[in-house]
Structure formats: C-alpha cells, structure tokens
Amino acid sequence: MKRVRKNYRLEFKIQAVSLSEQRGNVSSVAKELGICKESSVTWRKLHREAKLTKEKQIFSDPIIEASQ
C-alpha cells in the first residue's frame, strides 16, 4: 500500500511550532494535532532558521520537496 503524504498549510505549521515551543514537548503536541513528530521537529528547525515563510517554503520545506 502506497503511503499518501499530507501537505499542511503554512498557518497550521506556524501554530504547531508555537504550541510545541509553549509546551516544550514536541511529541505530545504532534500527537494532539495528528501529525508525526518528525514533521513538527522539521517545522521548528525551519522556524528557528527563519525559513518557515511563504516566500521560502517551497524551496526549504522537505515535505513539499518530497512530494514534487
């Protein structure tokens, strides 16, 4: 069975990053939001590097790159 990769909106990613930073627990926030922990970790990294923006998202988001 082929696995389907989900694409999340930028606003959702930013909210997920914010929640995980507030709570300090990536795993519990990811579980609560129904996303994988690895996505949350990647989004936090991109956010720290100021790459989680609409202008750069297409080129720096590995989830989008992998689906193309």
N, C-alpha and C. Protein backbone atom coordinates (compact mmCIF):
# COMPACT_ATOMS: atom_id res chain seq x y z
N MET A 1 0.84 -1.18 0.00
CA MET A 1 0.00 0.00 0.00
C MET A 1 0.89 1.25 0.00
N LYS A 2 0.62 2.15 -0.92
CA LYS A 2 1.39 3.38 -1.03
C LYS A 2 0.94 4.39 0.02
N ARG A 3 1.91 4.99 0.68
CA ARG A 3 1.61 5.97 1.72
C ARG A 3 1.38 7.34 1.10
N VAL A 4 0.34 8.02 1.51
CA VAL A 4 0.00 9.34 0.99
C VAL A 4 0.62 10.41 1.89
N ARG A 5 1.36 11.31 1.29
CA ARG A 5 1.99 12.39 2.05
C ARG A 5 1.02 13.56 2.16
N LYS A 6 0.81 14.03 3.38
CA LYS A 6 -0.09 15.15 3.60
C LYS A 6 0.67 16.46 3.45
N ASN A 7 -0.03 17.46 2.95
CA ASN A 7 0.52 18.81 2.86
C ASN A 7 -0.26 19.69 3.82
N TYR A 8 0.46 20.41 4.65
CA TYR A 8 -0.17 21.28 5.64
C TYR A 8 0.05 22.74 5.26
N ARG A 9 -0.94 23.56 5.57
CA ARG A 9 -0.85 24.99 5.29
C ARG A 9 0.18 25.64 6.20
N LEU A 10 0.78 26.70 5.73
CA LEU A 10 1.79 27.42 6.48
C LEU A 10 1.28 27.87 7.84
N GLU A 11 0.04 28.35 7.90
CA GLU A 11 -0.54 28.82 9.16
C GLU A 11 -0.62 27.69 10.18
N PHE A 12 -0.98 26.49 9.73
CA PHE A 12 -1.05 25.33 10.62
C PHE A 12 0.34 25.01 11.16
N LYS A 13 1.35 25.04 10.30
CA LYS A 13 2.71 24.74 10.72
C LYS A 13 3.19 25.73 11.78
N ILE A 14 2.91 27.01 11.54
CA ILE A 14 3.33 28.05 12.49
C ILE A 14 2.62 27.86 13.83
N GLN A 15 1.33 27.53 13.82
CA GLN A 15 0.61 27.29 15.06
C GLN A 15 1.16 26.07 15.78
N ALA A 16 1.50 25.02 15.04
CA ALA A 16 2.07 23.81 15.64
C ALA A 16 3.42 24.12 16.30
N VAL A 17 4.24 24.91 15.64
CA VAL A 17 5.53 25.31 16.19
C VAL A 17 5.32 26.12 17.47
N SER A 18 4.41 27.06 17.42
CA SER A 18 4.13 27.90 18.58
C SER A 18 3.68 27.06 19.78
N LEU A 19 2.75 26.13 19.53
CA LEU A 19 2.28 25.26 20.61
C LEU A 19 3.40 24.42 21.19
N SER A 20 4.23 23.85 20.34
CA SER A 20 5.30 22.99 20.83
C SER A 20 6.34 23.79 21.60
N GLU A 21 6.57 25.03 21.22
CA GLU A 21 7.51 25.87 21.95
C GLU A 21 6.94 26.30 23.30
N GLN A 22 5.64 26.59 23.33
CA GLN A 22 5.00 26.97 24.59
C GLN A 22 5.01 25.83 25.60
N ARG A 23 4.70 24.65 25.11
CA ARG A 23 4.59 23.49 25.99
C ARG A 23 5.92 22.78 26.21
N GLY A 24 6.85 22.97 25.30
CA GLY A 24 8.15 22.36 25.43
C GLY A 24 8.17 20.86 25.15
N ASN A 25 7.10 20.33 24.57
CA ASN A 25 7.03 18.91 24.30
C ASN A 25 6.51 18.68 22.89
N VAL A 26 7.42 18.36 22.01
CA VAL A 26 7.07 18.17 20.60
C VAL A 26 6.16 16.95 20.42
N SER A 27 6.48 15.88 21.10
CA SER A 27 5.74 14.62 20.92
C SER A 27 4.26 14.75 21.28
N SER A 28 3.97 15.35 22.42
CA SER A 28 2.57 15.45 22.84
C SER A 28 1.78 16.38 21.94
N VAL A 29 2.39 17.47 21.49
CA VAL A 29 1.70 18.40 20.60
C VAL A 29 1.45 17.73 19.25
N ALA A 30 2.44 17.01 18.75
CA ALA A 30 2.28 16.31 17.46
C ALA A 30 1.15 15.29 17.55
N LYS A 31 1.12 14.55 18.63
CA LYS A 31 0.05 13.55 18.82
C LYS A 31 -1.31 14.23 18.89
N GLU A 32 -1.39 15.32 19.62
CA GLU A 32 -2.65 16.06 19.77
C GLU A 32 -3.15 16.60 18.43
N LEU A 33 -2.23 17.05 17.59
CA LEU A 33 -2.60 17.63 16.30
C LEU A 33 -2.74 16.59 15.19
N GLY A 34 -2.33 15.36 15.47
CA GLY A 34 -2.46 14.29 14.48
C GLY A 34 -1.39 14.34 13.40
N ILE A 35 -0.22 14.85 13.76
CA ILE A 35 0.90 14.89 12.82
C ILE A 35 2.03 14.04 13.37
N CYS A 36 3.00 13.71 12.53
CA CYS A 36 4.13 12.93 13.03
C CYS A 36 5.13 13.87 13.70
N LYS A 37 5.82 13.31 14.67
CA LYS A 37 6.79 14.08 15.45
C LYS A 37 7.88 14.67 14.55
N GLU A 38 8.30 13.92 13.56
CA GLU A 38 9.37 14.37 12.68
C GLU A 38 8.99 15.64 11.91
N SER A 39 7.74 15.74 11.51
CA SER A 39 7.28 16.96 10.83
C SER A 39 7.37 18.15 11.77
N SER A 40 6.93 17.96 13.00
CA SER A 40 6.97 19.03 13.98
C SER A 40 8.40 19.48 14.25
N VAL A 41 9.31 18.53 14.37
CA VAL A 41 10.72 18.87 14.60
C VAL A 41 11.28 19.64 13.41
N THR A 42 10.95 19.21 12.20
CA THR A 42 11.41 19.89 10.99
C THR A 42 10.88 21.31 10.93
N TRP A 43 9.60 21.48 11.23
CA TRP A 43 9.00 22.81 11.20
C TRP A 43 9.64 23.73 12.23
N ARG A 44 9.94 23.20 13.43
CA ARG A 44 10.61 24.01 14.45
C ARG A 44 11.98 24.46 13.97
N LYS A 45 12.70 23.55 13.32
CA LYS A 45 14.03 23.88 12.80
C LYS A 45 13.92 24.97 11.73
N LEU A 46 13.00 24.80 10.80
CA LEU A 46 12.80 25.80 9.76
C LEU A 46 12.40 27.15 10.35
N HIS A 47 11.58 27.12 11.39
CA HIS A 47 11.15 28.36 12.05
C HIS A 47 12.34 29.06 12.70
N ARG A 48 13.20 28.30 13.39
CA ARG A 48 14.40 28.88 14.02
C ARG A 48 15.32 29.50 12.98
N GLU A 49 15.40 28.90 11.81
CA GLU A 49 16.25 29.39 10.74
C GLU A 49 15.56 30.46 9.89
N ALA A 50 14.37 30.86 10.29
CA ALA A 50 13.57 31.87 9.58
C ALA A 50 13.26 31.43 8.15
N LYS A 51 13.06 30.13 7.94
CA LYS A 51 12.75 29.60 6.62
C LYS A 51 11.30 29.12 6.51
N LEU A 52 10.54 29.29 7.56
CA LEU A 52 9.14 28.86 7.53
C LEU A 52 8.28 30.07 7.14
N THR A 53 8.45 30.49 5.89
CA THR A 53 7.72 31.64 5.38
C THR A 53 7.15 31.29 4.01
N LYS A 54 6.20 32.04 3.57
CA LYS A 54 5.57 31.77 2.27
C LYS A 54 6.57 31.90 1.13
N GLU A 55 7.49 32.86 1.23
CA GLU A 55 8.45 33.07 0.15
C GLU A 55 9.42 31.89 0.02
N LYS A 56 9.85 31.34 1.13
CA LYS A 56 10.88 30.31 1.10
C LYS A 56 10.35 28.91 1.32
N GLN A 57 9.11 28.76 1.65
CA GLN A 57 8.56 27.46 2.00
C GLN A 57 8.73 26.44 0.87
N ILE A 58 8.48 26.83 -0.34
CA ILE A 58 8.55 25.92 -1.48
C ILE A 58 9.96 25.33 -1.62
N PHE A 59 10.98 26.13 -1.35
CA PHE A 59 12.34 25.68 -1.55
C PHE A 59 12.95 25.03 -0.31
N SER A 60 12.42 25.30 0.89
CA SER A 60 13.09 24.82 2.09
C SER A 60 12.30 23.77 2.86
N ASP A 61 11.08 23.50 2.48
CA ASP A 61 10.25 22.55 3.22
C ASP A 61 10.41 21.15 2.63
N PRO A 62 11.05 20.22 3.36
CA PRO A 62 11.29 18.89 2.81
C PRO A 62 10.00 18.13 2.50
N ILE A 63 8.93 18.44 3.16
CA ILE A 63 7.67 17.75 2.88
C ILE A 63 7.18 18.11 1.48
N ILE A 64 7.28 19.36 1.13
CA ILE A 64 6.84 19.79 -0.20
C ILE A 64 7.82 19.26 -1.25
N GLU A 65 9.13 19.34 -0.98
CA GLU A 65 10.12 18.86 -1.93
C GLU A 65 9.94 17.38 -2.23
N ALA A 66 9.63 16.60 -1.22
CA ALA A 66 9.49 15.15 -1.39
C ALA A 66 8.25 14.80 -2.21
N SER A 67 7.25 15.66 -2.18
CA SER A 67 6.01 15.34 -2.89
C SER A 67 6.05 15.79 -4.34
N GLN A 68 7.07 16.53 -4.74
CA GLN A 68 7.15 17.01 -6.11
C GLN A 68 7.82 16.02 -7.01
